[in-house]
Amino acid sequence: MSNNNNNSSSIKSKKECYFCGNFIQDIDYKDTRTLEKFINFYRKILPRKRTGTCSGHQRKLSTAIKRSRIMALLSFVHK
């Protein structure tokens, strides 16, 4: 027997992309304060479903995080 309740309260609204909402076109790898919002405690990149970013900005975000890791601005793993 399943306990699926199809209430309207269980439907989640779609999050707005952080970068589209703030009219940010380019994501800078040197802006570590912004990039840290999109990585978790273990320094993994959070998925689109969790952050609400659009696909284009998610791709730019992941490359910016990877560049800042290589430049040693962000760490690869949690200390």
N, C-alpha and C. Protein backbone atom coordinates (compact mmCIF):
# COMPACT_ATOMS: atom_id res chain seq x y z
N MET A 1 0.84 -1.17 0.00
CA MET A 1 0.00 0.00 0.00
C MET A 1 0.89 1.24 0.00
N SER A 2 0.67 2.11 -0.92
CA SER A 2 1.50 3.31 -0.99
C SER A 2 0.85 4.46 -0.24
N ASN A 3 1.69 5.33 0.23
CA ASN A 3 1.22 6.49 0.99
C ASN A 3 1.46 7.77 0.20
N ASN A 4 1.18 7.76 -1.07
CA ASN A 4 1.38 8.95 -1.89
C ASN A 4 0.22 9.91 -1.70
N ASN A 5 0.52 11.07 -1.23
CA ASN A 5 -0.49 12.12 -1.09
C ASN A 5 -0.23 13.16 -2.16
N ASN A 6 -1.18 13.37 -3.02
CA ASN A 6 -1.03 14.33 -4.10
C ASN A 6 -1.63 15.67 -3.70
N ASN A 7 -1.14 16.22 -2.63
CA ASN A 7 -1.61 17.52 -2.19
C ASN A 7 -0.87 18.62 -2.94
N SER A 8 -1.49 19.76 -3.03
CA SER A 8 -0.85 20.88 -3.71
C SER A 8 0.33 21.41 -2.91
N SER A 9 0.39 21.11 -1.61
CA SER A 9 1.51 21.58 -0.79
C SER A 9 2.79 20.81 -1.07
N SER A 10 2.66 19.62 -1.65
CA SER A 10 3.85 18.82 -1.93
C SER A 10 4.53 19.24 -3.24
N ILE A 11 3.87 20.04 -4.05
CA ILE A 11 4.45 20.51 -5.30
C ILE A 11 5.36 21.69 -4.99
N LYS A 12 6.62 21.56 -5.38
CA LYS A 12 7.59 22.60 -5.10
C LYS A 12 7.67 23.56 -6.28
N SER A 13 7.81 24.82 -5.98
CA SER A 13 7.93 25.80 -7.04
C SER A 13 9.37 25.80 -7.57
N LYS A 14 9.52 26.17 -8.82
CA LYS A 14 10.83 26.17 -9.44
C LYS A 14 11.63 27.37 -8.95
N LYS A 15 12.88 27.11 -8.58
CA LYS A 15 13.75 28.19 -8.12
C LYS A 15 14.21 29.02 -9.31
N GLU A 16 14.45 30.28 -9.06
CA GLU A 16 14.98 31.15 -10.09
C GLU A 16 16.50 31.04 -10.08
N CYS A 17 17.10 31.11 -11.24
CA CYS A 17 18.55 31.07 -11.36
C CYS A 17 19.14 32.29 -10.66
N TYR A 18 20.14 32.07 -9.81
CA TYR A 18 20.78 33.15 -9.06
C TYR A 18 21.41 34.17 -10.01
N PHE A 19 22.04 33.69 -11.06
CA PHE A 19 22.76 34.56 -11.98
C PHE A 19 21.81 35.29 -12.93
N CYS A 20 20.74 34.65 -13.35
CA CYS A 20 19.74 35.32 -14.19
C CYS A 20 18.98 36.37 -13.39
N GLY A 21 18.69 36.07 -12.14
CA GLY A 21 17.95 37.00 -11.29
C GLY A 21 18.74 38.24 -10.95
N ASN A 22 20.06 38.12 -10.85
CA ASN A 22 20.92 39.26 -10.53
C ASN A 22 21.59 39.85 -11.76
N PHE A 23 21.18 39.39 -12.94
CA PHE A 23 21.69 39.88 -14.23
C PHE A 23 23.22 39.75 -14.32
N ILE A 24 23.74 38.61 -13.91
CA ILE A 24 25.17 38.32 -13.98
C ILE A 24 25.40 37.45 -15.20
N GLN A 25 26.17 37.93 -16.17
CA GLN A 25 26.43 37.17 -17.39
C GLN A 25 27.69 36.32 -17.25
N ASP A 26 28.79 36.92 -16.78
CA ASP A 26 30.05 36.21 -16.67
C ASP A 26 30.30 35.81 -15.22
N ILE A 27 30.69 34.58 -15.03
CA ILE A 27 31.02 34.07 -13.71
C ILE A 27 32.53 34.05 -13.60
N ASP A 28 33.07 34.83 -12.67
CA ASP A 28 34.52 34.98 -12.52
C ASP A 28 35.06 33.92 -11.57
N TYR A 29 36.14 33.27 -11.96
CA TYR A 29 36.73 32.24 -11.10
C TYR A 29 37.42 32.85 -9.88
N LYS A 30 37.70 34.15 -9.91
CA LYS A 30 38.35 34.81 -8.78
C LYS A 30 37.37 35.24 -7.70
N ASP A 31 36.08 35.17 -7.99
CA ASP A 31 35.04 35.55 -7.03
C ASP A 31 34.69 34.33 -6.18
N THR A 32 35.54 34.03 -5.21
CA THR A 32 35.37 32.81 -4.42
C THR A 32 34.18 32.88 -3.49
N ARG A 33 33.80 34.06 -3.06
CA ARG A 33 32.66 34.18 -2.15
C ARG A 33 31.37 33.72 -2.83
N THR A 34 31.21 34.05 -4.09
CA THR A 34 30.03 33.59 -4.84
C THR A 34 30.12 32.10 -5.15
N LEU A 35 31.29 31.64 -5.52
CA LEU A 35 31.46 30.24 -5.89
C LEU A 35 31.25 29.30 -4.71
N GLU A 36 31.57 29.76 -3.50
CA GLU A 36 31.40 28.91 -2.32
C GLU A 36 29.94 28.64 -1.99
N LYS A 37 29.03 29.44 -2.52
CA LYS A 37 27.60 29.20 -2.32
C LYS A 37 27.13 27.96 -3.07
N PHE A 38 27.89 27.55 -4.07
CA PHE A 38 27.47 26.47 -4.95
C PHE A 38 28.30 25.20 -4.76
N ILE A 39 29.06 25.11 -3.67
CA ILE A 39 29.75 23.88 -3.32
C ILE A 39 29.36 23.49 -1.90
N ASN A 40 29.36 22.20 -1.62
CA ASN A 40 28.93 21.74 -0.30
C ASN A 40 30.10 21.65 0.67
N PHE A 41 29.85 21.10 1.83
CA PHE A 41 30.85 20.99 2.89
C PHE A 41 32.06 20.18 2.44
N TYR A 42 31.83 19.17 1.62
CA TYR A 42 32.92 18.32 1.15
C TYR A 42 33.54 18.83 -0.14
N ARG A 43 33.21 20.06 -0.52
CA ARG A 43 33.77 20.76 -1.69
C ARG A 43 33.34 20.15 -3.02
N LYS A 44 32.17 19.52 -3.04
CA LYS A 44 31.62 19.02 -4.30
C LYS A 44 30.70 20.08 -4.89
N ILE A 45 30.63 20.14 -6.20
CA ILE A 45 29.76 21.09 -6.88
C ILE A 45 28.31 20.61 -6.73
N LEU A 46 27.46 21.50 -6.27
CA LEU A 46 26.05 21.15 -6.07
C LEU A 46 25.33 21.06 -7.42
N PRO A 47 24.38 20.14 -7.56
CA PRO A 47 23.66 19.98 -8.83
C PRO A 47 22.65 21.09 -9.07
N ARG A 48 22.20 21.19 -10.31
CA ARG A 48 21.21 22.20 -10.71
C ARG A 48 19.92 22.08 -9.93
N LYS A 49 19.52 20.85 -9.66
CA LYS A 49 18.26 20.61 -8.96
C LYS A 49 18.28 21.23 -7.56
N ARG A 50 19.43 21.25 -6.95
CA ARG A 50 19.56 21.79 -5.59
C ARG A 50 19.76 23.30 -5.59
N THR A 51 20.54 23.83 -6.54
CA THR A 51 20.86 25.26 -6.54
C THR A 51 19.84 26.08 -7.31
N GLY A 52 19.20 25.49 -8.32
CA GLY A 52 18.21 26.21 -9.10
C GLY A 52 18.80 27.02 -10.24
N THR A 53 20.06 26.81 -10.58
CA THR A 53 20.66 27.55 -11.68
C THR A 53 20.21 26.97 -13.01
N CYS A 54 20.22 27.81 -14.04
CA CYS A 54 19.85 27.33 -15.38
C CYS A 54 21.03 26.55 -15.96
N SER A 55 20.80 25.86 -17.06
CA SER A 55 21.83 24.95 -17.59
C SER A 55 23.06 25.70 -18.08
N GLY A 56 22.87 26.84 -18.71
CA GLY A 56 24.02 27.60 -19.20
C GLY A 56 24.89 28.12 -18.08
N HIS A 57 24.26 28.66 -17.04
CA HIS A 57 25.03 29.16 -15.91
C HIS A 57 25.64 28.03 -15.09
N GLN A 58 25.00 26.87 -15.06
CA GLN A 58 25.57 25.73 -14.34
C GLN A 58 26.86 25.28 -15.01
N ARG A 59 26.90 25.28 -16.34
CA ARG A 59 28.12 24.92 -17.05
C ARG A 59 29.23 25.93 -16.78
N LYS A 60 28.88 27.23 -16.85
CA LYS A 60 29.87 28.27 -16.56
C LYS A 60 30.34 28.21 -15.12
N LEU A 61 29.43 27.89 -14.22
CA LEU A 61 29.75 27.79 -12.80
C LEU A 61 30.72 26.65 -12.54
N SER A 62 30.49 25.50 -13.15
CA SER A 62 31.37 24.36 -12.92
C SER A 62 32.77 24.61 -13.47
N THR A 63 32.89 25.26 -14.63
CA THR A 63 34.22 25.57 -15.16
C THR A 63 34.91 26.61 -14.30
N ALA A 64 34.17 27.58 -13.76
CA ALA A 64 34.77 28.60 -12.89
C ALA A 64 35.26 27.97 -11.59
N ILE A 65 34.50 27.04 -11.03
CA ILE A 65 34.93 26.36 -9.80
C ILE A 65 36.18 25.52 -10.08
N LYS A 66 36.20 24.83 -11.20
CA LYS A 66 37.36 24.01 -11.54
C LYS A 66 38.60 24.87 -11.77
N ARG A 67 38.44 26.03 -12.41
CA ARG A 67 39.57 26.94 -12.62
C ARG A 67 40.09 27.50 -11.30
N SER A 68 39.17 27.86 -10.40
CA SER A 68 39.62 28.41 -9.13
C SER A 68 40.28 27.34 -8.26
N ARG A 69 39.91 26.09 -8.43
CA ARG A 69 40.60 25.01 -7.72
C ARG A 69 42.03 24.84 -8.24
N ILE A 70 42.19 24.91 -9.56
CA ILE A 70 43.52 24.77 -10.15
C ILE A 70 44.41 25.94 -9.76
N MET A 71 43.84 27.14 -9.66
CA MET A 71 44.60 28.32 -9.26
C MET A 71 44.78 28.40 -7.74
N ALA A 72 44.30 27.41 -7.00
CA ALA A 72 44.41 27.30 -5.54
C ALA A 72 43.65 28.39 -4.81
N LEU A 73 42.57 28.89 -5.40
CA LEU A 73 41.71 29.84 -4.71
C LEU A 73 40.66 29.10 -3.88
N LEU A 74 40.24 27.94 -4.37
CA LEU A 74 39.34 27.04 -3.63
C LEU A 74 40.06 25.71 -3.44
N SER A 75 39.76 25.04 -2.35
CA SER A 75 40.40 23.75 -2.11
C SER A 75 39.62 22.63 -2.81
N PHE A 76 40.32 21.56 -3.13
CA PHE A 76 39.69 20.42 -3.76
C PHE A 76 38.88 19.61 -2.76
N VAL A 77 39.38 19.48 -1.54
CA VAL A 77 38.73 18.68 -0.50
C VAL A 77 38.63 19.49 0.78
N HIS A 78 37.76 19.03 1.68
CA HIS A 78 37.62 19.67 2.98
C HIS A 78 38.83 19.34 3.84
N LYS A 79 39.31 20.31 4.57
CA LYS A 79 40.51 20.11 5.39
C LYS A 79 40.23 19.28 6.61
